[in-house]
């Protein structure tokens, strides 16, 4: 972790402490103890660290997931993604996230348990959507119609399911997780191809409303 700047802002504190808190969360959970230990490591006053995470555990988890978002973007910059096909982009982006999470699987397990609590389900959904949105944007998706929502909803589901496999994967190099992810992305690609074909056919389908309109107002 890079050293915190002199007189850091609260945003800078969250960015700097997030990975340190995650490292401690495997043992202490997403607790004040994990946050205080991270603050000590960074040479930051504990009370200031507490102010940076007013929501407690859920804010710490949010900051850590934002750290994962940033690490993913750094691992696969636009110039590298630009040489890849869409399927490889999505797979690569998910795997980049898994690489960041791999040393902290117990912290992730504890984070997901907190996010699964009824009072946190809305926040969990937002975090899942944020990850999926960032991945599609990084992959070059610019859809603004319903495709924007369907793509992100499906990818959020695939990512969540992949994380579930990943947490208990003891295969070499997480081979089982990679195989699972590959199958799910294949499903996404088939769905997108089928959807594109359906839309194409619909565009050329005769329009009843247009036909009736021409009966009422014939073209002259």
Protein backbone atom coordinates (compact mmCIF):
# COMPACT_ATOMS: atom_id res chain seq x y z
CA UNK A 1 0.00 0.00 0.00
CA UNK A 2 1.25 3.48 -0.86
CA UNK A 3 1.83 5.76 2.11
CA UNK A 4 -0.98 8.14 2.92
CA UNK A 5 -0.30 11.74 1.86
CA UNK A 6 0.27 14.43 4.43
CA UNK A 7 -3.07 15.62 5.84
CA UNK A 8 -5.12 13.13 3.75
CA UNK A 9 -8.75 13.65 2.83
CA UNK A 10 -11.36 11.15 3.99
CA UNK A 11 -11.49 9.70 0.48
CA UNK A 12 -7.72 9.21 0.50
CA UNK A 13 -7.95 7.56 3.92
CA UNK A 14 -10.59 5.12 2.66
CA UNK A 15 -8.48 4.27 -0.38
CA UNK A 16 -5.35 3.80 1.68
CA UNK A 17 -6.85 1.80 4.53
CA UNK A 18 -9.18 -0.46 2.54
CA UNK A 19 -6.62 -3.15 1.58
CA UNK A 20 -5.08 -3.05 5.05
CA UNK A 21 -8.46 -3.58 6.67
CA UNK A 22 -9.12 -6.49 4.33
CA UNK A 23 -5.82 -8.09 5.36
CA UNK A 24 -6.89 -7.88 9.00
CA UNK A 25 -10.52 -8.88 8.39
CA UNK A 26 -9.55 -12.50 7.80
CA UNK A 27 -8.68 -12.73 11.50
CA UNK A 28 -10.63 -9.92 13.18
CA UNK A 29 -13.65 -9.73 10.87
CA UNK A 30 -14.85 -6.43 9.46
CA UNK A 31 -14.66 -4.82 12.85
CA UNK A 32 -13.33 -1.75 14.60
CA UNK A 33 -10.32 -3.86 15.59
CA UNK A 34 -9.44 -4.53 11.94
CA UNK A 35 -9.87 -0.84 11.14
CA UNK A 36 -7.79 0.31 14.14
CA UNK A 37 -4.98 -2.12 13.30
CA UNK A 38 -4.96 -0.82 9.74
CA UNK A 39 -4.79 2.75 11.03
CA UNK A 40 -1.83 1.85 13.25
CA UNK A 41 -0.04 0.28 10.29
CA UNK A 42 -0.61 3.40 8.19
CA UNK A 43 0.44 5.73 11.03
CA UNK A 44 -3.02 7.27 11.18
CA UNK A 45 -4.99 8.33 14.23
CA UNK A 46 -7.63 5.71 15.04
CA UNK A 47 -10.35 8.30 15.61
CA UNK A 48 -9.72 9.80 12.18
CA UNK A 49 -9.95 6.34 10.62
CA UNK A 50 -13.29 5.82 12.38
CA UNK A 51 -14.62 9.05 10.86
CA UNK A 52 -13.68 7.77 7.39
CA UNK A 53 -15.97 4.75 7.80
CA UNK A 54 -19.08 6.08 9.55
CA UNK A 55 -21.16 3.10 8.42
CA UNK A 56 -18.80 0.61 10.02
CA UNK A 57 -18.31 -2.76 8.38
CA UNK A 58 -20.44 -2.05 5.32
CA UNK A 59 -18.44 1.10 4.51
CA UNK A 60 -15.15 -0.79 4.94
CA UNK A 61 -16.35 -3.52 2.58
CA UNK A 62 -17.51 -0.91 0.05
CA UNK A 63 -14.07 0.73 0.15
CA UNK A 64 -12.34 -2.63 -0.30
CA UNK A 65 -14.49 -3.50 -3.30
CA UNK A 66 -13.65 -0.07 -4.75
CA UNK A 67 -9.99 -1.03 -4.27
CA UNK A 68 -10.68 -4.23 -6.25
CA UNK A 69 -12.35 -2.13 -8.97
CA UNK A 70 -9.28 0.08 -9.24
CA UNK A 71 -6.84 -2.85 -9.23
CA UNK A 72 -8.84 -4.50 -12.02
CA UNK A 73 -8.64 -1.36 -14.15
CA UNK A 74 -4.92 -1.08 -13.51
CA UNK A 75 -4.30 -4.73 -14.45
CA UNK A 76 -6.16 -4.36 -17.75
CA UNK A 77 -5.76 -0.80 -19.09
CA UNK A 78 -7.68 0.33 -22.19
CA UNK A 79 -4.72 -0.16 -24.53
CA UNK A 80 -4.52 -3.83 -23.57
CA UNK A 81 -8.25 -4.43 -23.63
CA UNK A 82 -8.41 -2.81 -27.06
CA UNK A 83 -6.59 -5.77 -28.59
CA UNK A 84 -8.99 -8.35 -27.15
CA UNK A 85 -12.36 -9.72 -28.23
CA UNK A 86 -15.38 -9.08 -26.02
CA UNK A 87 -15.42 -12.56 -24.54
CA UNK A 88 -11.73 -12.36 -23.62
CA UNK A 89 -12.24 -8.89 -22.17
CA UNK A 90 -14.99 -10.01 -19.79
CA UNK A 91 -13.12 -13.15 -18.78
CA UNK A 92 -9.92 -11.19 -18.24
CA UNK A 93 -11.65 -8.53 -16.15
CA UNK A 94 -13.31 -11.09 -13.88
CA UNK A 95 -10.03 -12.99 -13.50
CA UNK A 96 -8.23 -9.75 -12.67
CA UNK A 97 -10.68 -9.25 -9.82
CA UNK A 98 -10.18 -12.80 -8.61
CA UNK A 99 -6.40 -12.29 -8.58
CA UNK A 100 -6.83 -9.35 -6.20
CA UNK A 101 -9.26 -11.29 -4.00
CA UNK A 102 -7.28 -14.55 -3.92
CA UNK A 103 -5.01 -13.68 -0.95
CA UNK A 104 -8.06 -12.59 1.05
CA UNK A 105 -10.65 -15.30 0.56
CA UNK A 106 -11.52 -15.48 4.26
CA UNK A 107 -12.00 -11.70 4.39
CA UNK A 108 -14.21 -12.00 1.28
CA UNK A 109 -16.22 -14.81 2.86
CA UNK A 110 -16.84 -12.66 5.93
CA UNK A 111 -17.70 -9.66 3.78
CA UNK A 112 -20.29 -11.62 1.82
CA UNK A 113 -21.85 -12.89 5.04
CA UNK A 114 -22.34 -9.29 6.16
CA UNK A 115 -23.73 -8.25 2.76
CA UNK A 116 -26.21 -11.15 2.92
CA UNK A 117 -27.86 -9.69 6.02
CA UNK A 118 -31.37 -8.37 5.23
CA UNK A 119 -30.48 -4.78 6.11
CA UNK A 120 -27.55 -4.87 3.68
CA UNK A 121 -29.15 -6.49 0.64
CA UNK A 122 -29.73 -3.18 -1.15
CA UNK A 123 -26.11 -2.15 -0.65
CA UNK A 124 -24.96 -5.58 -1.81
CA UNK A 125 -27.01 -5.24 -5.00
CA UNK A 126 -25.49 -1.82 -5.67
CA UNK A 127 -21.96 -3.16 -5.22
CA UNK A 128 -22.66 -6.07 -7.57
CA UNK A 129 -24.12 -3.70 -10.14
CA UNK A 130 -21.12 -1.37 -9.79
CA UNK A 131 -18.69 -4.18 -10.51
CA UNK A 132 -20.66 -5.38 -13.53
CA UNK A 133 -21.05 -1.85 -14.88
CA UNK A 134 -17.33 -1.16 -14.57
CA UNK A 135 -16.49 -4.40 -16.37
CA UNK A 136 -18.84 -3.72 -19.27
CA UNK A 137 -17.64 -0.13 -19.58
CA UNK A 138 -14.02 -1.29 -19.57
CA UNK A 139 -14.96 -3.80 -22.26
CA UNK A 140 -16.18 -0.93 -24.42
CA UNK A 141 -19.94 -1.30 -23.99
CA UNK A 142 -21.78 1.94 -24.76
CA UNK A 143 -25.37 0.66 -24.78
CA UNK A 144 -27.91 3.10 -23.34
CA UNK A 145 -31.14 1.19 -24.04
CA UNK A 146 -32.43 -1.91 -22.25
CA UNK A 147 -29.26 -3.74 -23.33
CA UNK A 148 -27.39 -1.62 -20.78
CA UNK A 149 -29.44 -3.19 -18.00
CA UNK A 150 -29.67 -6.75 -19.27
CA UNK A 151 -25.91 -7.01 -19.82
CA UNK A 152 -25.10 -5.77 -16.34
CA UNK A 153 -27.77 -7.84 -14.63
CA UNK A 154 -26.54 -11.02 -16.30
CA UNK A 155 -22.86 -10.29 -15.65
CA UNK A 156 -23.54 -9.44 -11.99
CA UNK A 157 -25.20 -12.84 -11.64
CA UNK A 158 -22.31 -14.62 -13.36
CA UNK A 159 -19.76 -12.80 -11.24
CA UNK A 160 -21.63 -13.61 -8.04
CA UNK A 161 -21.89 -17.29 -8.95
CA UNK A 162 -18.21 -17.38 -9.88
CA UNK A 163 -17.29 -15.90 -6.49
CA UNK A 164 -19.27 -18.67 -4.79
CA UNK A 165 -17.24 -21.32 -6.63
CA UNK A 166 -14.02 -19.41 -6.06
CA UNK A 167 -14.41 -19.32 -2.28
CA UNK A 168 -14.21 -23.11 -2.00
CA UNK A 169 -11.96 -23.85 -4.97
CA UNK A 170 -8.86 -25.81 -3.96
CA UNK A 171 -7.82 -26.74 -7.50
CA UNK A 172 -4.42 -25.70 -8.82
CA UNK A 173 -4.48 -22.12 -10.07
CA UNK A 174 -8.22 -22.02 -9.39
CA UNK A 175 -8.75 -24.14 -12.49
CA UNK A 176 -12.27 -25.13 -11.45
CA UNK A 177 -13.27 -21.50 -11.04
CA UNK A 178 -11.81 -20.60 -14.42
CA UNK A 179 -13.66 -23.46 -16.09
CA UNK A 180 -16.90 -22.41 -14.41
CA UNK A 181 -16.38 -18.80 -15.50
CA UNK A 182 -15.63 -19.87 -19.06
CA UNK A 183 -18.89 -21.81 -19.27
CA UNK A 184 -20.90 -18.92 -17.89
CA UNK A 185 -19.34 -16.41 -20.26
CA UNK A 186 -20.09 -18.75 -23.15
CA UNK A 187 -23.70 -18.56 -22.01
CA UNK A 188 -23.59 -14.76 -22.03
CA UNK A 189 -22.16 -14.72 -25.55
CA UNK A 190 -24.83 -17.13 -26.82
CA UNK A 191 -27.53 -15.00 -25.23
CA UNK A 192 -26.16 -11.80 -26.77
CA UNK A 193 -25.95 -13.45 -30.19
CA UNK A 194 -29.51 -14.77 -29.96
CA UNK A 195 -30.76 -11.38 -28.74
CA UNK A 196 -29.06 -9.58 -31.63
CA UNK A 197 -30.67 -11.97 -34.10
CA UNK A 198 -34.10 -11.45 -32.55
CA UNK A 199 -33.74 -7.67 -32.66
CA UNK A 200 -32.61 -7.84 -36.27
CA UNK A 201 -35.66 -9.88 -37.26
CA UNK A 202 -37.97 -7.57 -35.31
CA UNK A 203 -36.69 -4.51 -37.15
CA UNK A 204 -37.91 -5.91 -40.45
CA UNK A 205 -41.21 -7.21 -39.11
CA UNK A 206 -44.26 -5.41 -40.60
CA UNK A 207 -45.69 -2.86 -38.19
CA UNK A 208 -49.46 -3.10 -37.68
CA UNK A 209 -49.67 0.45 -36.31
CA UNK A 210 -47.73 1.80 -39.31
CA UNK A 211 -49.98 -0.14 -41.69
CA UNK A 212 -53.15 1.24 -40.06
CA UNK A 213 -51.67 4.73 -40.11
CA UNK A 214 -51.10 4.47 -43.85
CA UNK A 215 -54.69 3.39 -44.36
CA UNK A 216 -55.84 6.54 -42.58
CA UNK A 217 -53.20 8.81 -44.06
CA UNK A 218 -52.05 7.35 -47.37
CA UNK A 219 -48.71 8.45 -48.73
CA UNK A 220 -49.19 10.78 -51.70
